[in-house]
Amino acid sequence: MRKLIYSMTVSLDGFIAGPGGDITWSAPDRELHLFHNREVRELGVQLCGRRLYETMLYWETPEAWAGDPEHVEFAEIWRATPKIVFSRTLQAPEGNYTLAERDIAEEVARLRREPGKDIAVGGATLAADCARLNLIDEYRLFISPIVLGSGTPYFPPLDEPIELELIETKRFGSRVVYVRYRRP
């Protein structure tokens, strides 16, 4: 069965964005970007909320990222990956995006029944909903050596703890540490 994966860069104190939504601190270097490219290539579909959709539209515009080979590679992979957007306000998404026709639990159940590569979820609000519904099979954190003090948390407040088991770690030259956990 396909897994649902939540993967984001996170500050040492647990935030995926700083105050005001700032993510400039999380820009990957070349080594990390190439690692992300390999991970995204292994996905069958990406679930995202409206804000992540708007952020990732950058990769639909070749003149914005042309020049860096790892950026070109990522854009090609990203643009080819089917994406489902969960939004109450978006009418007609651009690129390889479709609007969700079901709630998140129903959509994940439908996708898990289909053959194919794993499913990713991105965007703080949508991932928080998935975590609260206990839908996430793997948590992949790219821990950046910065303390933000406040912002958008990686993990939402939960009613019950989530038991996890460490299955992989990797240290990058940029001092970012990758940790991969799964539900036992």
Protein backbone atom coordinates (compact mmCIF):
# COMPACT_ATOMS: atom_id res chain seq x y z
CA MET A 1 0.00 0.00 0.00
CA ARG A 2 1.19 3.52 -0.79
CA LYS A 3 2.58 5.52 2.14
CA LEU A 4 1.70 9.11 3.02
CA ILE A 5 4.89 11.09 3.65
CA TYR A 6 5.27 14.50 5.29
CA SER A 7 8.66 16.05 4.51
CA MET A 8 9.76 19.61 5.28
CA THR A 9 12.76 21.66 6.35
CA VAL A 10 12.36 22.59 9.99
CA SER A 11 14.22 24.88 12.37
CA LEU A 12 15.92 23.38 15.40
CA ASP A 13 13.01 24.63 17.51
CA GLY A 14 10.40 22.99 15.28
CA PHE A 15 9.16 25.65 12.85
CA ILE A 16 8.77 25.28 9.06
CA ALA A 17 8.35 29.04 8.60
CA GLY A 18 9.38 31.95 10.75
CA PRO A 19 7.30 34.95 11.80
CA GLY A 20 5.29 36.32 8.89
CA GLY A 21 5.79 33.10 6.92
CA ASP A 22 9.51 33.71 6.26
CA ILE A 23 11.19 30.66 4.67
CA THR A 24 14.32 32.33 3.28
CA TRP A 25 16.42 30.62 5.99
CA SER A 26 15.49 27.19 4.57
CA ALA A 27 16.86 27.53 1.02
CA PRO A 28 18.82 24.35 0.23
CA ASP A 29 22.39 24.33 -1.04
CA ARG A 30 23.32 22.23 -4.08
CA GLU A 31 23.92 18.98 -2.14
CA LEU A 32 20.60 19.23 -0.33
CA HIS A 33 18.74 20.26 -3.48
CA LEU A 34 20.00 17.14 -5.29
CA PHE A 35 18.82 15.00 -2.34
CA HIS A 36 15.37 16.63 -2.53
CA ASN A 37 15.31 15.93 -6.27
CA ARG A 38 15.87 12.21 -5.64
CA GLU A 39 13.12 12.16 -3.01
CA VAL A 40 10.56 13.98 -5.16
CA ARG A 41 11.32 11.66 -8.09
CA GLU A 42 10.07 8.76 -5.90
CA LEU A 43 6.61 10.31 -5.40
CA GLY A 44 3.47 9.38 -7.29
CA VAL A 45 1.36 12.33 -6.20
CA GLN A 46 1.71 15.47 -4.06
CA LEU A 47 -1.10 16.78 -1.85
CA CYS A 48 -0.93 20.46 -0.99
CA GLY A 49 -2.90 23.29 0.46
CA ARG A 50 -3.57 26.54 -1.35
CA ARG A 51 -0.61 28.44 0.14
CA LEU A 52 1.89 25.74 -0.81
CA TYR A 53 0.30 25.60 -4.25
CA GLU A 54 0.86 29.36 -4.63
CA THR A 55 4.46 29.09 -3.40
CA MET A 56 5.27 26.21 -5.74
CA LEU A 57 3.88 27.99 -8.83
CA TYR A 58 7.41 29.41 -9.05
CA TRP A 59 8.49 26.07 -10.56
CA GLU A 60 5.96 26.43 -13.38
CA THR A 61 7.88 29.44 -14.79
CA PRO A 62 11.12 28.31 -16.48
CA GLU A 63 12.62 31.78 -16.74
CA ALA A 64 12.50 32.09 -12.92
CA TRP A 65 14.76 29.11 -12.20
CA ALA A 66 16.65 28.46 -15.45
CA GLY A 67 20.41 28.23 -15.17
CA ASP A 68 21.07 26.03 -12.14
CA PRO A 69 21.12 22.36 -13.19
CA GLU A 70 19.64 21.10 -9.90
CA HIS A 71 16.84 23.68 -10.17
CA VAL A 72 16.08 22.68 -13.75
CA GLU A 73 16.03 19.01 -12.70
CA PHE A 74 13.71 19.74 -9.75
CA ALA A 75 11.36 21.80 -11.91
CA GLU A 76 11.10 19.01 -14.47
CA ILE A 77 10.35 16.44 -11.76
CA TRP A 78 7.91 18.74 -9.93
CA ARG A 79 6.02 19.75 -13.05
CA ALA A 80 5.59 16.09 -14.07
CA THR A 81 4.32 15.01 -10.63
CA PRO A 82 0.50 15.01 -10.34
CA LYS A 83 -0.66 17.31 -7.55
CA ILE A 84 -3.98 17.64 -5.74
CA VAL A 85 -4.81 20.98 -4.12
CA PHE A 86 -7.14 21.29 -1.14
CA SER A 87 -8.70 24.73 -1.19
CA ARG A 88 -12.05 26.35 -0.57
CA THR A 89 -11.15 29.47 -2.56
CA LEU A 90 -9.11 28.30 -5.57
CA GLN A 91 -11.21 27.82 -8.71
CA ALA A 92 -8.87 26.66 -11.49
CA PRO A 93 -5.33 25.66 -10.57
CA GLU A 94 -2.52 26.03 -13.11
CA GLY A 95 -0.02 23.38 -14.21
CA ASN A 96 -0.26 19.72 -13.23
CA TYR A 97 -2.67 20.41 -10.35
CA THR A 98 -6.25 19.34 -9.81
CA LEU A 99 -8.66 20.42 -7.10
CA ALA A 100 -9.53 17.84 -4.46
CA GLU A 101 -13.02 16.43 -4.83
CA ARG A 102 -13.08 14.70 -1.42
CA ASP A 103 -12.00 15.52 2.12
CA ILE A 104 -8.41 14.67 3.01
CA ALA A 105 -9.16 11.30 4.69
CA GLU A 106 -11.25 10.11 1.75
CA GLU A 107 -8.67 11.32 -0.78
CA VAL A 108 -5.80 9.58 1.00
CA ALA A 109 -7.84 6.35 1.28
CA ARG A 110 -8.63 6.49 -2.45
CA LEU A 111 -5.00 7.13 -3.41
CA ARG A 112 -3.71 4.34 -1.15
CA ARG A 113 -5.96 1.84 -2.94
CA GLU A 114 -4.48 2.78 -6.32
CA PRO A 115 -1.19 1.31 -7.54
CA GLY A 116 1.76 3.64 -7.79
CA LYS A 117 4.50 5.45 -5.95
CA ASP A 118 4.08 6.99 -2.51
CA ILE A 119 2.01 10.09 -1.69
CA ALA A 120 3.42 13.27 -0.15
CA VAL A 121 1.62 15.94 1.80
CA GLY A 122 2.89 19.49 2.09
CA GLY A 123 1.71 22.71 3.62
CA ALA A 124 1.38 23.27 7.34
CA THR A 125 -2.42 23.28 7.59
CA LEU A 126 -3.04 20.26 5.38
CA ALA A 127 -0.22 18.25 7.00
CA ALA A 128 -1.58 19.17 10.44
CA ASP A 129 -4.98 17.80 9.44
CA CYS A 130 -3.32 14.59 8.24
CA ALA A 131 -1.34 14.26 11.49
CA ARG A 132 -4.45 14.76 13.62
CA LEU A 133 -6.26 12.10 11.57
CA ASN A 134 -3.26 9.76 12.00
CA LEU A 135 -2.86 9.44 8.21
CA ILE A 136 0.89 10.09 7.97
CA ASP A 137 3.08 7.00 7.68
CA GLU A 138 6.48 8.73 7.52
CA TYR A 139 7.80 12.00 8.87
CA ARG A 140 10.92 13.34 7.13
CA LEU A 141 12.54 16.35 8.74
CA PHE A 142 15.45 18.36 7.39
CA ILE A 143 16.60 20.03 10.60
CA SER A 144 18.30 23.34 9.92
CA PRO A 145 20.75 24.79 12.49
CA ILE A 146 18.68 27.87 13.26
CA VAL A 147 16.41 28.80 16.15
CA LEU A 148 13.49 30.96 14.99
CA GLY A 149 11.67 31.45 18.29
CA SER A 150 8.23 31.42 16.70
CA GLY A 151 6.43 30.78 13.45
CA THR A 152 4.54 27.93 11.83
CA PRO A 153 5.15 24.64 13.66
CA TYR A 154 5.99 21.39 11.86
CA PHE A 155 3.82 19.42 14.30
CA PRO A 156 0.36 20.65 15.27
CA PRO A 157 -1.06 20.38 18.78
CA LEU A 158 -2.28 16.80 19.15
CA ASP A 159 -4.79 15.07 21.39
CA GLU A 160 -2.68 11.87 21.45
CA PRO A 161 1.06 11.29 21.10
CA ILE A 162 2.34 9.78 17.84
CA GLU A 163 4.72 6.88 18.44
CA LEU A 164 7.55 6.87 15.88
CA GLU A 165 10.59 4.79 15.03
CA LEU A 166 13.79 6.23 13.54
CA ILE A 167 14.69 4.56 10.24
CA GLU A 168 17.28 6.87 8.64
CA THR A 169 19.59 9.81 9.34
CA LYS A 170 21.95 11.80 7.15
CA ARG A 171 24.15 14.83 7.78
CA PHE A 172 24.74 17.37 5.01
CA GLY A 173 27.71 19.70 4.54
CA SER A 174 25.36 22.65 5.14
CA ARG A 175 24.95 21.38 8.75
CA VAL A 176 21.37 20.27 7.99
CA VAL A 177 20.48 16.91 9.52
CA TYR A 178 17.90 14.67 7.85
CA VAL A 179 15.85 12.36 10.06
CA ARG A 180 13.26 9.92 8.80
CA TYR A 181 10.69 8.34 11.10
CA ARG A 182 7.83 5.95 10.50
CA ARG A 183 4.91 4.79 12.53
CA PRO A 184 5.74 1.31 13.89
